[in-house]
């Protein structure tokens, strides 16, 4: 009888533990970025304006020919000489993009009034959710991005 009681106690503890692990895993994506979402107004090179929720910069790290690791960022990685600067979305007011060949040059206007011109340091795209589904914008197709905290 005592073994049956102990077995039931162990099963209930395991179930509770699994439930706690499952709940914590659900909250990981929100904790990783401090639960800060961004919305953007994206104007493409044809002048079409899109309202995008959950705006982020996306790139894929290639491990080999058949596998990669996806990265979704709330900052823009740009080159400044030999260094890479991760300009946080929370500091950006507006981005203007001009593309020359394969290189996209970003003119970033910060909320504090400062402006800088930088090339992207990583080949990637801007992503988010529109009213009609997920939108993916290659930098060469974008003219202007206006960021807002969501």
C-alpha atoms as a PDB file:
ATOM      1  CA  UNK A   1       0.000   0.000   0.000  1.00  0.00           C
ATOM      2  CA  UNK A   2       2.804   2.361   0.899  1.00  0.00           C
ATOM      3  CA  UNK A   3       4.469   1.793  -2.526  1.00  0.00           C
ATOM      4  CA  UNK A   4       1.208   2.683  -4.315  1.00  0.00           C
ATOM      5  CA  UNK A   5       0.934   5.975  -2.394  1.00  0.00           C
ATOM      6  CA  UNK A   6       4.571   6.830  -3.142  1.00  0.00           C
ATOM      7  CA  UNK A   7       4.075   6.003  -6.838  1.00  0.00           C
ATOM      8  CA  UNK A   8       1.023   8.296  -7.075  1.00  0.00           C
ATOM      9  CA  UNK A   9       2.960  11.099  -5.358  1.00  0.00           C
ATOM     10  CA  UNK A  10       5.880  10.701  -7.801  1.00  0.00           C
ATOM     11  CA  UNK A  11       3.516  10.737 -10.809  1.00  0.00           C
ATOM     12  CA  UNK A  12       1.782  13.913  -9.594  1.00  0.00           C
ATOM     13  CA  UNK A  13       5.158  15.581  -8.974  1.00  0.00           C
ATOM     14  CA  UNK A  14       6.348  14.661 -12.471  1.00  0.00           C
ATOM     15  CA  UNK A  15       3.147  15.965 -14.040  1.00  0.00           C
ATOM     16  CA  UNK A  16       3.451  19.231 -12.142  1.00  0.00           C
ATOM     17  CA  UNK A  17       7.123  19.525 -13.135  1.00  0.00           C
ATOM     18  CA  UNK A  18       6.334  18.906 -16.799  1.00  0.00           C
ATOM     19  CA  UNK A  19       3.562  21.506 -16.676  1.00  0.00           C
ATOM     20  CA  UNK A  20       5.931  24.083 -15.169  1.00  0.00           C
ATOM     21  CA  UNK A  21       8.591  23.388 -17.838  1.00  0.00           C
ATOM     22  CA  UNK A  22       5.996  23.657 -20.624  1.00  0.00           C
ATOM     23  CA  UNK A  23       4.691  27.002 -19.313  1.00  0.00           C
ATOM     24  CA  UNK A  24       8.197  28.423 -18.981  1.00  0.00           C
ATOM     25  CA  UNK A  25       9.072  27.378 -22.549  1.00  0.00           C
ATOM     26  CA  UNK A  26       6.020  29.231 -23.875  1.00  0.00           C
ATOM     27  CA  UNK A  27       7.243  32.468 -22.323  1.00  0.00           C
ATOM     28  CA  UNK A  28      10.875  32.242 -23.553  1.00  0.00           C
ATOM     29  CA  UNK A  29      10.462  34.176 -26.846  1.00  0.00           C
ATOM     30  CA  UNK A  30       8.925  37.105 -24.973  1.00  0.00           C
ATOM     31  CA  UNK A  31      11.529  37.119 -22.208  1.00  0.00           C
ATOM     32  CA  UNK A  32      14.423  36.992 -24.667  1.00  0.00           C
ATOM     33  CA  UNK A  33      13.670  40.448 -26.054  1.00  0.00           C
ATOM     34  CA  UNK A  34      12.250  41.998 -22.897  1.00  0.00           C
ATOM     35  CA  UNK A  35       8.667  41.687 -24.205  1.00  0.00           C
ATOM     36  CA  UNK A  36       9.180  44.732 -26.429  1.00  0.00           C
ATOM     37  CA  UNK A  37       7.481  44.545 -29.818  1.00  0.00           C
ATOM     38  CA  UNK A  38       7.858  47.058 -32.626  1.00  0.00           C
ATOM     39  CA  UNK A  39       5.473  48.184 -35.327  1.00  0.00           C
ATOM     40  CA  UNK A  40       6.634  49.769 -38.558  1.00  0.00           C
ATOM     41  CA  UNK A  41       5.338  51.631 -41.545  1.00  0.00           C
ATOM     42  CA  UNK A  42       7.304  50.312 -44.520  1.00  0.00           C
ATOM     43  CA  UNK A  43       7.294  52.157 -47.844  1.00  0.00           C
ATOM     44  CA  UNK A  44       8.708  50.096 -50.701  1.00  0.00           C
ATOM     45  CA  UNK A  45      10.463  51.347 -53.841  1.00  0.00           C
ATOM     46  CA  UNK A  46       7.109  51.390 -55.703  1.00  0.00           C
ATOM     47  CA  UNK A  47       5.654  53.762 -53.080  1.00  0.00           C
ATOM     48  CA  UNK A  48       3.353  51.145 -51.527  1.00  0.00           C
ATOM     49  CA  UNK A  49       2.917  51.638 -47.776  1.00  0.00           C
ATOM     50  CA  UNK A  50       2.512  48.635 -45.454  1.00  0.00           C
ATOM     51  CA  UNK A  51       1.631  48.603 -41.754  1.00  0.00           C
ATOM     52  CA  UNK A  52       3.694  45.856 -40.092  1.00  0.00           C
ATOM     53  CA  UNK A  53       3.342  44.488 -36.554  1.00  0.00           C
ATOM     54  CA  UNK A  54       6.036  42.482 -34.711  1.00  0.00           C
ATOM     55  CA  UNK A  55       8.714  44.049 -36.933  1.00  0.00           C
ATOM     56  CA  UNK A  56      12.170  42.422 -36.835  1.00  0.00           C
ATOM     57  CA  UNK A  57      15.385  41.902 -38.796  1.00  0.00           C
ATOM     58  CA  UNK A  58      15.820  38.291 -39.978  1.00  0.00           C
ATOM     59  CA  UNK A  59      18.925  36.472 -41.159  1.00  0.00           C
ATOM     60  CA  UNK A  60      20.084  32.866 -41.462  1.00  0.00           C
ATOM     61  CA  UNK A  61      23.430  31.596 -40.199  1.00  0.00           C
ATOM     62  CA  UNK A  62      24.579  28.802 -42.520  1.00  0.00           C
ATOM     63  CA  UNK A  63      26.123  25.848 -40.691  1.00  0.00           C
ATOM     64  CA  UNK A  64      26.729  23.745 -43.809  1.00  0.00           C
ATOM     65  CA  UNK A  65      25.102  23.111 -47.185  1.00  0.00           C
ATOM     66  CA  UNK A  66      21.907  21.677 -45.712  1.00  0.00           C
ATOM     67  CA  UNK A  67      21.390  23.382 -42.355  1.00  0.00           C
ATOM     68  CA  UNK A  68      21.115  26.869 -40.931  1.00  0.00           C
ATOM     69  CA  UNK A  69      20.169  28.704 -37.735  1.00  0.00           C
ATOM     70  CA  UNK A  70      17.486  31.415 -38.087  1.00  0.00           C
ATOM     71  CA  UNK A  71      17.965  34.691 -36.177  1.00  0.00           C
ATOM     72  CA  UNK A  72      15.227  37.264 -35.524  1.00  0.00           C
ATOM     73  CA  UNK A  73      16.580  40.525 -34.137  1.00  0.00           C
ATOM     74  CA  UNK A  74      15.186  43.776 -32.743  1.00  0.00           C
ATOM     75  CA  UNK A  75      18.227  45.675 -33.971  1.00  0.00           C
ATOM     76  CA  UNK A  76      19.885  46.412 -37.301  1.00  0.00           C
ATOM     77  CA  UNK A  77      23.502  45.182 -37.735  1.00  0.00           C
ATOM     78  CA  UNK A  78      25.463  47.767 -39.742  1.00  0.00           C
ATOM     79  CA  UNK A  79      29.145  48.276 -40.602  1.00  0.00           C
ATOM     80  CA  UNK A  80      31.085  51.305 -39.428  1.00  0.00           C
ATOM     81  CA  UNK A  81      34.623  50.901 -40.734  1.00  0.00           C
ATOM     82  CA  UNK A  82      36.015  47.685 -39.240  1.00  0.00           C
ATOM     83  CA  UNK A  83      33.336  47.450 -36.539  1.00  0.00           C
ATOM     84  CA  UNK A  84      29.774  46.165 -36.553  1.00  0.00           C
ATOM     85  CA  UNK A  85      27.186  48.265 -34.747  1.00  0.00           C
ATOM     86  CA  UNK A  86      23.884  46.802 -33.590  1.00  0.00           C
ATOM     87  CA  UNK A  87      21.508  49.776 -33.737  1.00  0.00           C
ATOM     88  CA  UNK A  88      18.600  48.945 -31.418  1.00  0.00           C
ATOM     89  CA  UNK A  89      15.075  49.433 -32.788  1.00  0.00           C
ATOM     90  CA  UNK A  90      14.183  51.261 -29.561  1.00  0.00           C
ATOM     91  CA  UNK A  91      16.593  54.086 -30.524  1.00  0.00           C
ATOM     92  CA  UNK A  92      15.559  54.365 -34.209  1.00  0.00           C
ATOM     93  CA  UNK A  93      12.958  56.828 -35.458  1.00  0.00           C
ATOM     94  CA  UNK A  94      13.299  56.270 -39.212  1.00  0.00           C
ATOM     95  CA  UNK A  95      15.459  54.410 -41.762  1.00  0.00           C
ATOM     96  CA  UNK A  96      15.964  55.370 -45.418  1.00  0.00           C
ATOM     97  CA  UNK A  97      17.479  52.687 -47.649  1.00  0.00           C
ATOM     98  CA  UNK A  98      19.275  53.130 -50.949  1.00  0.00           C
ATOM     99  CA  UNK A  99      20.593  50.096 -52.800  1.00  0.00           C
ATOM    100  CA  UNK A 100      23.508  50.095 -55.200  1.00  0.00           C
ATOM    101  CA  UNK A 101      23.944  46.634 -56.683  1.00  0.00           C
ATOM    102  CA  UNK A 102      24.055  44.071 -53.879  1.00  0.00           C
ATOM    103  CA  UNK A 103      24.927  46.629 -51.188  1.00  0.00           C
ATOM    104  CA  UNK A 104      22.140  48.354 -49.244  1.00  0.00           C
ATOM    105  CA  UNK A 105      23.074  51.600 -47.534  1.00  0.00           C
ATOM    106  CA  UNK A 106      20.954  52.681 -44.575  1.00  0.00           C
ATOM    107  CA  UNK A 107      20.530  56.257 -43.423  1.00  0.00           C
ATOM    108  CA  UNK A 108      19.397  55.844 -39.832  1.00  0.00           C
ATOM    109  CA  UNK A 109      17.673  58.702 -37.997  1.00  0.00           C
ATOM    110  CA  UNK A 110      17.706  58.172 -34.228  1.00  0.00           C
ATOM    111  CA  UNK A 111      15.052  59.438 -31.813  1.00  0.00           C
ATOM    112  CA  UNK A 112      17.671  61.724 -30.213  1.00  0.00           C
ATOM    113  CA  UNK A 113      18.158  63.595 -33.530  1.00  0.00           C
ATOM    114  CA  UNK A 114      21.454  62.011 -34.637  1.00  0.00           C
ATOM    115  CA  UNK A 115      21.824  60.578 -38.146  1.00  0.00           C
ATOM    116  CA  UNK A 116      24.293  58.130 -39.658  1.00  0.00           C
ATOM    117  CA  UNK A 117      24.868  56.377 -42.989  1.00  0.00           C
ATOM    118  CA  UNK A 118      25.905  52.706 -42.877  1.00  0.00           C
ATOM    119  CA  UNK A 119      25.921  49.585 -45.076  1.00  0.00           C
ATOM    120  CA  UNK A 120      24.211  46.468 -43.705  1.00  0.00           C
ATOM    121  CA  UNK A 121      26.740  44.080 -42.178  1.00  0.00           C
ATOM    122  CA  UNK A 122      24.664  40.918 -42.661  1.00  0.00           C
ATOM    123  CA  UNK A 123      22.602  39.790 -45.624  1.00  0.00           C
ATOM    124  CA  UNK A 124      19.062  39.562 -44.283  1.00  0.00           C
ATOM    125  CA  UNK A 125      15.557  40.946 -44.586  1.00  0.00           C
ATOM    126  CA  UNK A 126      12.967  42.816 -42.562  1.00  0.00           C
ATOM    127  CA  UNK A 127       9.956  40.776 -41.444  1.00  0.00           C
ATOM    128  CA  UNK A 128       6.712  41.229 -39.622  1.00  0.00           C
ATOM    129  CA  UNK A 129       2.998  40.565 -39.637  1.00  0.00           C
ATOM    130  CA  UNK A 130       0.623  42.452 -41.898  1.00  0.00           C
ATOM    131  CA  UNK A 131      -3.164  42.191 -41.802  1.00  0.00           C
ATOM    132  CA  UNK A 132      -2.939  39.602 -44.597  1.00  0.00           C
ATOM    133  CA  UNK A 133      -0.101  37.424 -43.230  1.00  0.00           C
ATOM    134  CA  UNK A 134       3.657  37.453 -42.693  1.00  0.00           C
ATOM    135  CA  UNK A 135       5.529  40.000 -44.807  1.00  0.00           C
ATOM    136  CA  UNK A 136       9.182  39.717 -45.837  1.00  0.00           C
ATOM    137  CA  UNK A 137      11.008  42.759 -47.244  1.00  0.00           C
ATOM    138  CA  UNK A 138      14.474  42.449 -48.806  1.00  0.00           C
ATOM    139  CA  UNK A 139      16.374  45.690 -48.042  1.00  0.00           C
ATOM    140  CA  UNK A 140      16.730  46.441 -51.774  1.00  0.00           C
ATOM    141  CA  UNK A 141      12.919  46.697 -52.059  1.00  0.00           C
ATOM    142  CA  UNK A 142      12.496  49.222 -49.207  1.00  0.00           C
ATOM    143  CA  UNK A 143      12.626  52.992 -49.468  1.00  0.00           C
ATOM    144  CA  UNK A 144      11.622  54.033 -45.901  1.00  0.00           C
ATOM    145  CA  UNK A 145      10.937  52.386 -42.518  1.00  0.00           C
ATOM    146  CA  UNK A 146       9.257  54.332 -39.702  1.00  0.00           C
ATOM    147  CA  UNK A 147       9.480  52.487 -36.381  1.00  0.00           C
ATOM    148  CA  UNK A 148       7.083  52.661 -33.422  1.00  0.00           C
ATOM    149  CA  UNK A 149       7.122  50.768 -30.148  1.00  0.00           C
ATOM    150  CA  UNK A 150       4.188  48.409 -29.993  1.00  0.00           C
END
